[in-house]
Amino acid sequence: MDIKHSTGEVAIASVKGYLWFLCLNIIFAAWLLVRILSGDSVTFNTQHYMLPLWSIIGFSVINLCTTITLRDGINEGLYQKCLPLIVLTFSVLWSILFFNMLNDFKQPTITIVILVIILLPATITFYISGLLLTLFCIPIIISMVYGEIVSPLEFPLLLWAGTVIILAVVLSARYILLESYLRTQRSEYERNVLIKKLLRLANYDTLTGLFNRHSLTESFARSSRQLEHGKKSLFLIVLDIDFFKQYNDMYGHVQGDKCLIQVSRCIEQSLRKASDAAFRFGGEEFVVLAVCDRLPNAIDIAKRIQHALADARIPHKGSSVAPRVTISQGIAQWHQGMPLEGLLESADKQLYQAKRDGRNRICWER
């Protein structure tokens, strides 16, 4: 899960990484606290350390509990807006500690070690957001540089070089991690696009954009399960374009494809979006699955399709029914336990009856 600014920019790579960063803050602050209280051989000015260390521990615990509580909602709301201030607060507290450590220690090895250990999880956690990483790193680096200037340490040139190297490592690590992240994001995006394309090919007819025959099986299974103990009924409408072979012979297959697309649009615009679905069953044959309270509702859908096609006025000089494209429709009602094949067979019988009765009409089980 990602944390995002109001701009939508990803700020933290993962909640787990952020939790790791907070835990390390607690661990190393507690370790320094114990070191001071145990009377270590290194001379500490205790008053310089107690407040920053307890502040880091307390602030980390509060943020740790908040992160665990919010979890999936941490990229929204007040906490997300306060994230830059939170990161800057951690940095300032560690900056105070590092400055004091450079002044109190006879040699800065332990300071450099803790600095690297603290900057490592910060870089891994904040590498996606240049703002957060800058807010955390810059105050610490400034305190180190200033501490080296004012503290009477030997080999200041070597210490300066060490600080520059640490900063270079942080920046290069951020660049490498960000490049890897962006490459992964691109790969994930391309994979999702490919999956969507494959799903569309698997479930939709490429010509008309309607669901295909495979989707009909899944949709029927889902709808029939939902209606087993419900009050509504499932109806199947089979539609067939009248004299479509003659249309292809007269106008050509390119115009025939355009006719199929126009008919499919007439079907789509006649459906109720929530409870109906249209499928291209094959060739010039279409199927509509509709969940209705009763048969007249299914008949109304078929009539709307018929009227929409009449309004489209697609010319058809090869038809003996009308000078435009028409359709014949058969309606069947699903009964509990009936398979899809049985429902299709019942609807087909009504479709053939519509054709026998002169086409351009609707027939249903009486």
Protein backbone atom coordinates (compact mmCIF):
# COMPACT_ATOMS: atom_id res chain seq x y z
CA MET A 1 0.00 0.00 0.00
CA ASP A 2 1.28 3.49 -0.80
CA ILE A 3 1.05 6.79 1.04
CA LYS A 4 0.29 9.69 -1.29
CA HIS A 5 0.34 13.45 -1.05
CA SER A 6 -2.70 15.47 -2.06
CA THR A 7 -1.00 15.83 -5.42
CA GLY A 8 -1.16 12.08 -5.88
CA GLU A 9 2.65 11.66 -5.74
CA VAL A 10 3.68 8.48 -3.96
CA ALA A 11 5.62 9.39 -0.81
CA ILE A 12 6.42 6.14 0.99
CA ALA A 13 7.11 2.85 -0.75
CA SER A 14 5.24 0.68 1.76
CA VAL A 15 3.74 0.71 5.23
CA LYS A 16 6.07 -2.12 6.27
CA GLY A 17 9.08 -0.02 5.30
CA TYR A 18 7.76 2.93 7.27
CA LEU A 19 7.13 0.71 10.32
CA TRP A 20 10.69 -0.58 10.00
CA PHE A 21 12.01 2.99 9.94
CA LEU A 22 10.02 3.90 13.08
CA CYS A 23 11.18 0.77 14.91
CA LEU A 24 14.83 1.53 14.12
CA ASN A 25 14.37 5.03 15.49
CA ILE A 26 13.12 3.53 18.77
CA ILE A 27 15.85 0.86 18.92
CA PHE A 28 18.82 3.19 18.38
CA ALA A 29 17.43 5.99 20.54
CA ALA A 30 16.84 3.46 23.34
CA TRP A 31 20.35 2.02 22.83
CA LEU A 32 21.92 5.48 23.20
CA LEU A 33 19.73 6.17 26.23
CA VAL A 34 20.88 2.97 27.94
CA ARG A 35 24.49 3.76 27.00
CA ILE A 36 24.25 7.17 28.65
CA LEU A 37 22.43 5.98 31.77
CA SER A 38 24.85 3.05 32.27
CA GLY A 39 27.78 5.45 32.74
CA ASP A 40 29.76 4.62 29.61
CA SER A 41 33.46 5.43 29.50
CA VAL A 42 32.74 8.18 26.98
CA THR A 43 31.97 11.43 28.75
CA PHE A 44 28.44 12.57 27.93
CA ASN A 45 26.78 15.84 28.76
CA THR A 46 23.56 14.09 29.76
CA GLN A 47 21.31 17.13 29.51
CA HIS A 48 22.12 17.41 25.77
CA TYR A 49 20.74 13.92 25.08
CA MET A 50 17.82 13.08 27.36
CA LEU A 51 15.20 15.35 25.78
CA PRO A 52 16.02 14.50 22.11
CA LEU A 53 16.24 10.75 22.84
CA TRP A 54 12.99 10.58 24.78
CA SER A 55 11.37 12.76 22.11
CA ILE A 56 12.48 10.35 19.34
CA ILE A 57 11.20 7.33 21.28
CA GLY A 58 7.87 8.95 22.17
CA PHE A 59 7.33 10.44 18.71
CA SER A 60 8.17 7.11 17.06
CA VAL A 61 5.78 5.17 19.32
CA ILE A 62 2.93 7.60 18.54
CA ASN A 63 3.55 7.31 14.79
CA LEU A 64 3.95 3.55 15.06
CA CYS A 65 0.56 3.16 16.75
CA THR A 66 -1.06 5.59 14.30
CA THR A 67 0.35 3.72 11.29
CA ILE A 68 -0.80 0.34 12.62
CA THR A 69 -4.27 1.76 13.36
CA LEU A 70 -4.77 3.55 10.03
CA ARG A 71 -2.96 0.96 7.91
CA ASP A 72 -4.90 1.02 4.60
CA GLY A 73 -6.11 4.59 5.15
CA ILE A 74 -2.74 6.14 5.96
CA ASN A 75 -2.44 7.68 2.48
CA GLU A 76 -5.45 9.89 3.14
CA GLY A 77 -6.50 12.58 5.56
CA LEU A 78 -4.61 14.57 8.19
CA TYR A 79 -1.71 12.15 8.74
CA GLN A 80 -0.81 12.21 5.06
CA LYS A 81 -0.79 16.02 5.07
CA CYS A 82 1.40 16.08 8.20
CA LEU A 83 3.91 13.57 6.82
CA PRO A 84 6.53 16.19 5.69
CA LEU A 85 6.41 17.82 9.16
CA ILE A 86 6.77 14.40 10.83
CA VAL A 87 9.83 13.54 8.75
CA LEU A 88 11.39 16.96 9.41
CA THR A 89 10.81 16.54 13.16
CA PHE A 90 12.68 13.22 13.17
CA SER A 91 15.52 14.81 11.22
CA VAL A 92 15.86 17.79 13.57
CA LEU A 93 15.94 15.52 16.65
CA TRP A 94 18.65 13.31 15.13
CA SER A 95 20.54 16.41 13.97
CA ILE A 96 20.72 17.67 17.56
CA LEU A 97 21.99 14.29 18.75
CA PHE A 98 24.63 13.95 16.02
CA PHE A 99 25.93 17.46 16.64
CA ASN A 100 26.26 16.80 20.36
CA MET A 101 27.88 13.43 19.76
CA LEU A 102 30.55 14.99 17.54
CA ASN A 103 31.34 17.47 20.27
CA ASP A 104 31.33 14.97 23.16
CA PHE A 105 33.11 11.96 21.60
CA LYS A 106 36.87 11.90 21.28
CA GLN A 107 36.47 10.19 17.90
CA PRO A 108 33.39 10.21 15.64
CA THR A 109 33.26 6.55 14.62
CA ILE A 110 30.10 5.71 16.58
CA THR A 111 28.44 8.88 15.26
CA ILE A 112 29.22 7.96 11.66
CA VAL A 113 27.98 4.38 12.20
CA ILE A 114 24.66 5.49 13.69
CA LEU A 115 24.34 8.16 10.96
CA VAL A 116 24.69 5.52 8.23
CA ILE A 117 22.29 3.16 10.01
CA ILE A 118 19.66 5.90 10.34
CA LEU A 119 20.05 7.22 6.79
CA LEU A 120 19.82 3.70 5.30
CA PRO A 121 16.19 2.97 6.35
CA ALA A 122 15.26 6.60 5.64
CA THR A 123 16.57 6.26 2.08
CA ILE A 124 14.76 2.94 1.58
CA THR A 125 11.54 4.34 3.08
CA PHE A 126 11.47 7.80 1.45
CA TYR A 127 13.30 7.18 -1.85
CA ILE A 128 10.12 7.64 -3.90
CA SER A 129 9.56 11.16 -2.58
CA GLY A 130 12.44 13.54 -3.13
CA LEU A 131 10.75 16.00 -0.75
CA LEU A 132 10.62 13.64 2.22
CA LEU A 133 14.12 12.30 1.67
CA THR A 134 15.47 15.86 1.43
CA LEU A 135 13.61 16.93 4.59
CA PHE A 136 15.16 14.02 6.48
CA CYS A 137 18.71 14.12 5.12
CA ILE A 138 19.60 17.80 4.75
CA PRO A 139 19.26 18.89 8.44
CA ILE A 140 21.32 15.87 9.52
CA ILE A 141 24.05 16.53 6.96
CA ILE A 142 24.16 20.23 7.91
CA SER A 143 24.52 19.35 11.59
CA MET A 144 27.35 16.94 10.78
CA VAL A 145 29.21 19.51 8.68
CA TYR A 146 28.73 22.23 11.28
CA GLY A 147 29.77 19.82 14.04
CA GLU A 148 32.98 19.01 12.20
CA ILE A 149 33.74 22.72 11.84
CA VAL A 150 33.24 23.66 15.48
CA SER A 151 34.50 20.45 17.16
CA PRO A 152 38.23 20.05 17.85
CA LEU A 153 38.62 16.74 16.00
CA GLU A 154 41.67 15.44 14.24
CA PHE A 155 41.70 14.79 10.47
CA PRO A 156 38.80 17.19 9.62
CA LEU A 157 39.47 16.69 5.90
CA LEU A 158 38.85 12.96 6.30
CA LEU A 159 35.61 13.67 8.18
CA TRP A 160 34.48 16.05 5.47
CA ALA A 161 35.21 13.41 2.88
CA GLY A 162 33.23 10.87 4.92
CA THR A 163 30.23 13.20 5.07
CA VAL A 164 30.37 13.80 1.31
CA ILE A 165 30.63 10.05 0.66
CA ILE A 166 27.63 9.35 2.89
CA LEU A 167 25.59 11.99 1.08
CA ALA A 168 26.64 10.57 -2.31
CA VAL A 169 25.67 7.06 -1.20
CA VAL A 170 22.24 8.29 -0.09
CA LEU A 171 21.59 10.11 -3.37
CA SER A 172 22.84 7.25 -5.54
CA ALA A 173 20.84 4.71 -3.51
CA ARG A 174 17.75 6.84 -3.97
CA TYR A 175 18.37 7.03 -7.72
CA ILE A 176 18.87 3.26 -8.05
CA LEU A 177 15.83 2.43 -5.91
CA LEU A 178 13.64 4.95 -7.73
CA GLU A 179 14.72 3.63 -11.13
CA SER A 180 13.89 0.09 -10.00
CA TYR A 181 10.53 1.25 -8.64
CA LEU A 182 9.60 3.06 -11.85
CA ARG A 183 10.68 0.08 -13.94
CA THR A 184 8.51 -2.18 -11.77
CA GLN A 185 5.61 0.26 -12.06
CA ARG A 186 5.91 0.34 -15.84
CA SER A 187 6.10 -3.43 -15.97
CA GLU A 188 3.05 -3.71 -13.70
CA TYR A 189 1.15 -1.20 -15.84
CA GLU A 190 2.00 -3.06 -19.04
CA ARG A 191 1.01 -6.36 -17.43
CA ASN A 192 -2.34 -4.91 -16.31
CA VAL A 193 -2.98 -3.51 -19.79
CA LEU A 194 -2.20 -6.92 -21.29
CA ILE A 195 -4.49 -8.67 -18.79
CA LYS A 196 -7.31 -6.24 -19.62
CA LYS A 197 -6.81 -6.87 -23.34
CA LEU A 198 -6.85 -10.64 -22.82
CA LEU A 199 -9.94 -10.41 -20.63
CA ARG A 200 -11.67 -8.30 -23.25
CA LEU A 201 -10.76 -10.79 -25.97
CA ALA A 202 -12.02 -13.62 -23.76
CA ASN A 203 -15.30 -11.98 -22.78
CA TYR A 204 -16.25 -9.53 -25.54
CA ASP A 205 -17.03 -9.80 -29.22
CA THR A 206 -14.31 -7.92 -31.10
CA LEU A 207 -16.65 -6.58 -33.79
CA THR A 208 -19.68 -5.35 -31.87
CA GLY A 209 -18.23 -4.84 -28.39
CA LEU A 210 -21.05 -6.91 -26.86
CA PHE A 211 -20.36 -9.81 -24.54
CA ASN A 212 -19.49 -13.03 -26.38
CA ARG A 213 -20.84 -16.57 -26.10
CA HIS A 214 -18.35 -17.51 -23.39
CA SER A 215 -19.59 -14.63 -21.22
CA LEU A 216 -23.18 -15.80 -21.72
CA THR A 217 -22.41 -19.06 -19.92
CA GLU A 218 -20.86 -17.26 -16.96
CA SER A 219 -23.56 -14.61 -16.79
CA PHE A 220 -26.33 -17.22 -16.89
CA ALA A 221 -24.70 -19.26 -14.11
CA ARG A 222 -24.33 -16.16 -11.93
CA SER A 223 -27.87 -14.89 -12.55
CA SER A 224 -29.51 -18.28 -12.05
CA ARG A 225 -27.75 -18.75 -8.71
CA GLN A 226 -28.90 -15.34 -7.51
CA LEU A 227 -32.50 -15.99 -8.54
CA GLU A 228 -32.90 -19.48 -7.09
CA HIS A 229 -34.71 -18.17 -4.03
CA GLY A 230 -35.73 -14.73 -5.30
CA LYS A 231 -39.02 -13.32 -6.49
CA LYS A 232 -37.74 -12.11 -9.86
CA SER A 233 -37.41 -14.25 -12.98
CA LEU A 234 -34.74 -14.65 -15.63
CA PHE A 235 -35.73 -14.26 -19.28
CA LEU A 236 -33.70 -14.96 -22.39
CA ILE A 237 -34.39 -13.18 -25.67
CA VAL A 238 -32.92 -14.57 -28.89
CA LEU A 239 -32.73 -12.04 -31.75
CA ASP A 240 -31.95 -12.76 -35.37
CA ILE A 241 -31.54 -10.20 -38.20
CA ASP A 242 -34.07 -10.94 -40.94
CA PHE A 243 -32.58 -11.91 -44.32
CA PHE A 244 -29.04 -11.06 -43.27
CA LYS A 245 -27.54 -13.37 -45.91
CA GLN A 246 -29.29 -11.34 -48.58
CA TYR A 247 -27.99 -8.17 -46.94
CA ASN A 248 -24.41 -9.43 -47.21
CA ASP A 249 -24.94 -10.55 -50.80
CA MET A 250 -26.34 -7.17 -51.80
CA TYR A 251 -24.17 -4.74 -49.81
CA GLY A 252 -21.00 -6.75 -49.15
CA HIS A 253 -19.42 -8.07 -46.00
CA VAL A 254 -17.93 -4.72 -44.96
CA GLN A 255 -21.38 -3.14 -44.89
CA GLY A 256 -22.63 -6.33 -43.25
CA ASP A 257 -20.20 -5.79 -40.37
CA LYS A 258 -21.37 -2.17 -40.06
CA CYS A 259 -24.95 -3.41 -39.95
CA LEU A 260 -24.10 -5.81 -37.11
CA ILE A 261 -22.49 -2.95 -35.18
CA GLN A 262 -25.55 -0.71 -35.68
CA VAL A 263 -27.92 -3.47 -34.58
CA SER A 264 -25.81 -4.14 -31.48
CA ARG A 265 -25.99 -0.44 -30.56
CA CYS A 266 -29.77 -0.50 -30.91
CA ILE A 267 -29.87 -3.50 -28.58
CA GLU A 268 -27.56 -1.87 -26.00
CA GLN A 269 -29.47 1.39 -25.85
CA SER A 270 -32.72 -0.49 -25.25
CA LEU A 271 -31.52 -2.37 -22.16
CA ARG A 272 -31.82 -1.47 -18.52
CA LYS A 273 -28.18 -1.14 -17.47
CA ALA A 274 -28.43 -2.77 -14.05
CA SER A 275 -30.34 -5.96 -14.81
CA ASP A 276 -29.89 -6.72 -18.54
CA ALA A 277 -26.97 -7.89 -20.64
CA ALA A 278 -26.57 -8.34 -24.41
CA PHE A 279 -24.42 -10.97 -26.13
CA ARG A 280 -23.44 -11.72 -29.69
CA PHE A 281 -24.24 -15.40 -29.98
CA GLY A 282 -22.85 -15.92 -33.45
CA GLY A 283 -23.23 -14.53 -36.97
CA GLU A 284 -26.32 -12.34 -37.07
CA GLU A 285 -27.80 -13.82 -33.89
CA PHE A 286 -27.86 -11.98 -30.56
CA VAL A 287 -29.01 -12.92 -27.06
CA VAL A 288 -30.30 -10.77 -24.19
CA LEU A 289 -30.44 -11.96 -20.56
CA ALA A 290 -32.91 -9.95 -18.52
CA VAL A 291 -33.95 -10.16 -14.88
CA CYS A 292 -37.59 -9.09 -14.72
CA ASP A 293 -40.53 -9.22 -12.35
CA ARG A 294 -42.74 -10.85 -14.97
CA LEU A 295 -43.03 -11.66 -18.68
CA PRO A 296 -44.49 -8.29 -19.84
CA ASN A 297 -41.27 -6.58 -18.68
CA ALA A 298 -39.21 -8.86 -20.95
CA ILE A 299 -41.61 -8.20 -23.83
CA ASP A 300 -41.17 -4.46 -23.28
CA ILE A 301 -37.40 -4.86 -23.69
CA ALA A 302 -37.90 -6.72 -26.97
CA LYS A 303 -40.27 -4.02 -28.19
CA ARG A 304 -37.79 -1.26 -27.31
CA ILE A 305 -35.13 -3.05 -29.35
CA GLN A 306 -37.54 -3.39 -32.27
CA HIS A 307 -38.45 0.31 -32.13
CA ALA A 308 -34.80 1.41 -31.79
CA LEU A 309 -33.90 -0.59 -34.90
CA ALA A 310 -36.87 0.87 -36.78
CA ASP A 311 -35.69 4.38 -35.82
CA ALA A 312 -32.18 3.55 -37.08
CA ARG A 313 -33.63 3.00 -40.59
CA ILE A 314 -30.83 0.82 -41.91
CA PRO A 315 -31.65 0.23 -45.64
CA HIS A 316 -32.22 -3.39 -46.71
CA LYS A 317 -33.41 -3.78 -50.31
CA GLY A 318 -33.00 -7.54 -50.12
CA SER A 319 -35.64 -7.95 -47.41
CA SER A 320 -39.14 -9.08 -48.31
CA VAL A 321 -40.48 -7.80 -44.98
CA ALA A 322 -39.52 -4.13 -45.05
CA PRO A 323 -37.19 -1.76 -46.96
CA ARG A 324 -35.02 -1.57 -43.83
CA VAL A 325 -33.28 -4.01 -41.49
CA THR A 326 -35.64 -5.81 -39.10
CA ILE A 327 -35.26 -8.53 -36.47
CA SER A 328 -37.25 -11.49 -35.25
CA GLN A 329 -37.24 -12.28 -31.53
CA GLY A 330 -38.09 -15.23 -29.33
CA ILE A 331 -38.50 -15.01 -25.52
CA ALA A 332 -38.25 -17.85 -22.99
CA GLN A 333 -38.47 -17.85 -19.20
CA TRP A 334 -35.99 -19.73 -17.03
CA HIS A 335 -37.33 -22.21 -14.52
CA GLN A 336 -35.34 -23.48 -11.56
CA GLY A 337 -32.99 -26.30 -12.52
CA MET A 338 -33.16 -25.51 -16.24
CA PRO A 339 -29.72 -25.49 -17.93
CA LEU A 340 -28.66 -22.79 -20.35
CA GLU A 341 -29.03 -25.19 -23.29
CA GLY A 342 -32.65 -25.83 -22.36
CA LEU A 343 -33.37 -22.12 -22.04
CA LEU A 344 -31.76 -21.41 -25.43
CA GLU A 345 -33.74 -24.22 -27.02
CA SER A 346 -37.02 -22.78 -25.68
CA ALA A 347 -36.16 -19.29 -26.93
CA ASP A 348 -35.08 -20.68 -30.33
CA LYS A 349 -38.49 -22.35 -30.72
CA GLN A 350 -40.15 -18.97 -30.22
CA LEU A 351 -37.71 -17.35 -32.65
CA TYR A 352 -38.53 -19.91 -35.34
CA GLN A 353 -42.21 -19.31 -34.68
CA ALA A 354 -41.65 -15.57 -35.23
CA LYS A 355 -39.98 -16.34 -38.55
CA ARG A 356 -42.78 -18.68 -39.59
CA ASP A 357 -45.31 -16.00 -38.72
CA GLY A 358 -43.68 -13.54 -41.15
CA ARG A 359 -40.59 -12.18 -39.32
CA ASN A 360 -40.11 -8.71 -37.81
CA ARG A 361 -42.09 -9.81 -34.77
CA ILE A 362 -41.78 -11.09 -31.19
CA CYS A 363 -42.97 -14.50 -29.98
CA TRP A 364 -42.96 -15.90 -26.43
CA GLU A 365 -44.21 -18.87 -24.47
CA ARG A 366 -47.90 -18.58 -23.79
